[in-house]
Amino acid sequence: MPKVFPNPQLMQQIASLMPHYCDKCGHKHLKGDLEVVNVDIDKIVCKLECTNCKNVYVFQVNSPGDGVINTKKSAVKSDMNTDELKRFSDVENIVSEEILDVYVSLSEIETIEDFKMLFS
C-alpha cells in the first residue's frame, strides 16, 4: 500500500500538538524540527529533535474514526537518523519467539568462528 503523507491541514494540527519546548534544555521547537517518519491508516509517527541539545522525541499521532486526534510522546535515546527510523518503522512486529531464538543462538557462541557459522 503506498504511503500517503498527511495533507497540510493535518500537519498544521500535528504541529499544534507537538511539544513546544524541549523537556531537557527548554529550547523552543520550531515547526521545521518536526519530521513525519511513517504514515498508516490510523496513525502517523513523527520525530522531533531539539536543535539545541539534540534530544529526540518520537511521538505517535492517533486519528481514530471519530476524528479526534491525540498523541503519545516518548523520549528516545538512539543514534538512528530519520532515514533509519523511516526504514525500520515499516517492518513487521518482532515476536517473542524470534527474540528467544536469537538469544539461544547467541548463548551457544564461544568463538568468532561460531559467530560466523550463524551467518553462513
C-alpha atoms as a PDB file:
ATOM      1  CA  MET A   1       0.000   0.000   0.000  1.00  0.00           C
ATOM      2  CA  PRO A   2       1.563   3.339  -0.977  1.00  0.00           C
ATOM      3  CA  LYS A   3       2.244   5.827   1.769  1.00  0.00           C
ATOM      4  CA  VAL A   4       0.181   8.989   1.631  1.00  0.00           C
ATOM      5  CA  PHE A   5       1.759  11.748   3.646  1.00  0.00           C
ATOM      6  CA  PRO A   6      -0.554  13.989   5.623  1.00  0.00           C
ATOM      7  CA  ASN A   7      -2.182  16.948   3.999  1.00  0.00           C
ATOM      8  CA  PRO A   8      -1.077  20.451   5.089  1.00  0.00           C
ATOM      9  CA  GLN A   9      -4.176  20.947   7.261  1.00  0.00           C
ATOM     10  CA  LEU A  10      -3.460  17.749   9.222  1.00  0.00           C
ATOM     11  CA  MET A  11       0.219  18.705   9.510  1.00  0.00           C
ATOM     12  CA  GLN A  12      -0.892  22.036  10.999  1.00  0.00           C
ATOM     13  CA  GLN A  13      -2.911  20.141  13.617  1.00  0.00           C
ATOM     14  CA  ILE A  14       0.017  17.826  14.355  1.00  0.00           C
ATOM     15  CA  ALA A  15       2.345  20.817  14.743  1.00  0.00           C
ATOM     16  CA  SER A  16      -0.059  22.312  17.290  1.00  0.00           C
ATOM     17  CA  LEU A  17       0.034  19.064  19.308  1.00  0.00           C
ATOM     18  CA  MET A  18       3.822  18.700  19.328  1.00  0.00           C
ATOM     19  CA  PRO A  19       5.738  19.800  22.426  1.00  0.00           C
ATOM     20  CA  HIS A  20       6.642  23.476  22.134  1.00  0.00           C
ATOM     21  CA  TYR A  21       9.751  23.308  24.341  1.00  0.00           C
ATOM     22  CA  CYS A  22      12.431  20.688  24.900  1.00  0.00           C
ATOM     23  CA  ASP A  23      11.976  18.774  28.152  1.00  0.00           C
ATOM     24  CA  LYS A  24      15.743  18.534  28.549  1.00  0.00           C
ATOM     25  CA  CYS A  25      17.068  22.050  27.871  1.00  0.00           C
ATOM     26  CA  GLY A  26      13.945  24.221  27.448  1.00  0.00           C
ATOM     27  CA  HIS A  27      14.802  25.306  23.889  1.00  0.00           C
ATOM     28  CA  LYS A  28      11.780  26.301  21.765  1.00  0.00           C
ATOM     29  CA  HIS A  29      10.886  23.842  18.998  1.00  0.00           C
ATOM     30  CA  LEU A  30      10.027  25.138  15.552  1.00  0.00           C
ATOM     31  CA  LYS A  31       7.563  23.502  13.155  1.00  0.00           C
ATOM     32  CA  GLY A  32      10.518  22.718  10.876  1.00  0.00           C
ATOM     33  CA  ASP A  33      12.003  20.468  13.586  1.00  0.00           C
ATOM     34  CA  LEU A  34       9.103  18.050  13.089  1.00  0.00           C
ATOM     35  CA  GLU A  35       9.540  15.184  10.616  1.00  0.00           C
ATOM     36  CA  VAL A  36       6.990  12.577   9.553  1.00  0.00           C
ATOM     37  CA  VAL A  37       8.545   9.123   9.834  1.00  0.00           C
ATOM     38  CA  ASN A  38       5.677   6.799   8.954  1.00  0.00           C
ATOM     39  CA  VAL A  39       2.042   7.081   7.918  1.00  0.00           C
ATOM     40  CA  ASP A  40      -0.550   4.380   8.500  1.00  0.00           C
ATOM     41  CA  ILE A  41      -4.315   4.445   8.142  1.00  0.00           C
ATOM     42  CA  ASP A  42      -4.948   5.234  11.816  1.00  0.00           C
ATOM     43  CA  LYS A  43      -1.682   6.792  12.981  1.00  0.00           C
ATOM     44  CA  ILE A  44       1.259   8.957  11.986  1.00  0.00           C
ATOM     45  CA  VAL A  45       4.693   8.553  13.573  1.00  0.00           C
ATOM     46  CA  CYS A  46       6.698  11.760  13.893  1.00  0.00           C
ATOM     47  CA  LYS A  47      10.200  12.615  15.055  1.00  0.00           C
ATOM     48  CA  LEU A  48      11.066  15.849  16.825  1.00  0.00           C
ATOM     49  CA  GLU A  49      14.711  16.698  17.513  1.00  0.00           C
ATOM     50  CA  CYS A  50      15.846  19.600  19.658  1.00  0.00           C
ATOM     51  CA  THR A  51      18.166  21.757  17.569  1.00  0.00           C
ATOM     52  CA  ASN A  52      19.966  22.874  20.727  1.00  0.00           C
ATOM     53  CA  CYS A  53      20.731  19.672  22.721  1.00  0.00           C
ATOM     54  CA  LYS A  54      19.828  17.034  20.079  1.00  0.00           C
ATOM     55  CA  ASN A  55      17.299  15.364  22.401  1.00  0.00           C
ATOM     56  CA  VAL A  56      14.983  13.242  20.251  1.00  0.00           C
ATOM     57  CA  TYR A  57      11.290  12.597  20.747  1.00  0.00           C
ATOM     58  CA  VAL A  58       9.247  10.162  18.760  1.00  0.00           C
ATOM     59  CA  PHE A  59       5.525  10.594  19.000  1.00  0.00           C
ATOM     60  CA  GLN A  60       2.566   8.881  17.511  1.00  0.00           C
ATOM     61  CA  VAL A  61      -0.460  10.824  16.377  1.00  0.00           C
ATOM     62  CA  ASN A  62      -3.586   8.671  16.510  1.00  0.00           C
ATOM     63  CA  SER A  63      -6.557   9.533  14.386  1.00  0.00           C
ATOM     64  CA  PRO A  64      -9.478   7.365  15.441  1.00  0.00           C
ATOM     65  CA  GLY A  65     -12.648   7.123  13.390  1.00  0.00           C
ATOM     66  CA  ASP A  66     -14.425   9.868  15.300  1.00  0.00           C
ATOM     67  CA  GLY A  67     -11.955  12.472  14.032  1.00  0.00           C
ATOM     68  CA  VAL A  68     -10.391  13.288  17.421  1.00  0.00           C
ATOM     69  CA  ILE A  69      -6.606  13.476  17.182  1.00  0.00           C
ATOM     70  CA  ASN A  70      -4.383  12.584  20.140  1.00  0.00           C
ATOM     71  CA  THR A  71      -0.677  11.996  20.647  1.00  0.00           C
ATOM     72  CA  LYS A  72       1.651   9.910  22.747  1.00  0.00           C
ATOM     73  CA  LYS A  73       5.226  11.161  23.136  1.00  0.00           C
ATOM     74  CA  SER A  74       8.321   9.274  24.251  1.00  0.00           C
ATOM     75  CA  ALA A  75      11.913  10.438  24.516  1.00  0.00           C
ATOM     76  CA  VAL A  76      14.307   8.257  22.566  1.00  0.00           C
ATOM     77  CA  LYS A  77      17.998   7.721  23.195  1.00  0.00           C
ATOM     78  CA  SER A  78      19.235   6.471  19.873  1.00  0.00           C
ATOM     79  CA  ASP A  79      21.823   7.171  17.246  1.00  0.00           C
ATOM     80  CA  MET A  80      19.340   6.362  14.468  1.00  0.00           C
ATOM     81  CA  ASN A  81      18.785   9.145  11.998  1.00  0.00           C
ATOM     82  CA  THR A  82      15.427   9.905  10.365  1.00  0.00           C
ATOM     83  CA  ASP A  83      16.145   7.770   7.294  1.00  0.00           C
ATOM     84  CA  GLU A  84      16.861   4.758   9.513  1.00  0.00           C
ATOM     85  CA  LEU A  85      13.716   5.408  11.552  1.00  0.00           C
ATOM     86  CA  LYS A  86      11.694   5.509   8.344  1.00  0.00           C
ATOM     87  CA  ARG A  87      13.318   2.316   7.081  1.00  0.00           C
ATOM     88  CA  PHE A  88      12.614   0.314  10.233  1.00  0.00           C
ATOM     89  CA  SER A  89       9.237   1.807  11.176  1.00  0.00           C
ATOM     90  CA  ASP A  90       7.505  -0.136   8.444  1.00  0.00           C
ATOM     91  CA  VAL A  91       8.802  -3.631   9.317  1.00  0.00           C
ATOM     92  CA  GLU A  92       6.644  -6.340  10.821  1.00  0.00           C
ATOM     93  CA  ASN A  93       6.475  -6.645  14.590  1.00  0.00           C
ATOM     94  CA  ILE A  94       9.081  -8.868  16.188  1.00  0.00           C
ATOM     95  CA  VAL A  95       7.518 -11.727  18.102  1.00  0.00           C
ATOM     96  CA  SER A  96       8.910 -13.014  21.395  1.00  0.00           C
ATOM     97  CA  GLU A  97       9.859 -16.371  19.894  1.00  0.00           C
ATOM     98  CA  GLU A  98      12.184 -14.670  17.402  1.00  0.00           C
ATOM     99  CA  ILE A  99      13.964 -12.847  20.211  1.00  0.00           C
ATOM    100  CA  LEU A 100      14.313 -16.067  22.173  1.00  0.00           C
ATOM    101  CA  ASP A 101      15.709 -17.860  19.095  1.00  0.00           C
ATOM    102  CA  VAL A 102      18.376 -15.183  18.696  1.00  0.00           C
ATOM    103  CA  TYR A 103      19.184 -15.257  22.405  1.00  0.00           C
ATOM    104  CA  VAL A 104      19.591 -19.060  22.412  1.00  0.00           C
ATOM    105  CA  SER A 105      21.723 -18.960  19.247  1.00  0.00           C
ATOM    106  CA  LEU A 106      23.986 -16.260  20.682  1.00  0.00           C
ATOM    107  CA  SER A 107      24.334 -18.019  24.036  1.00  0.00           C
ATOM    108  CA  GLU A 108      25.885 -21.018  22.275  1.00  0.00           C
ATOM    109  CA  ILE A 109      28.659 -18.912  20.694  1.00  0.00           C
ATOM    110  CA  GLU A 110      32.098 -19.382  22.190  1.00  0.00           C
ATOM    111  CA  THR A 111      34.413 -18.236  19.393  1.00  0.00           C
ATOM    112  CA  ILE A 112      34.333 -15.880  16.442  1.00  0.00           C
ATOM    113  CA  GLU A 113      34.124 -18.912  14.171  1.00  0.00           C
ATOM    114  CA  ASP A 114      30.909 -19.974  15.923  1.00  0.00           C
ATOM    115  CA  PHE A 115      29.549 -16.496  15.274  1.00  0.00           C
ATOM    116  CA  LYS A 116      30.497 -16.637  11.583  1.00  0.00           C
ATOM    117  CA  MET A 117      28.792 -20.015  11.268  1.00  0.00           C
ATOM    118  CA  LEU A 118      25.460 -18.431  12.215  1.00  0.00           C
ATOM    119  CA  PHE A 119      25.567 -16.347   9.036  1.00  0.00           C
ATOM    120  CA  SER A 120      26.911 -18.915   6.588  1.00  0.00           C
END
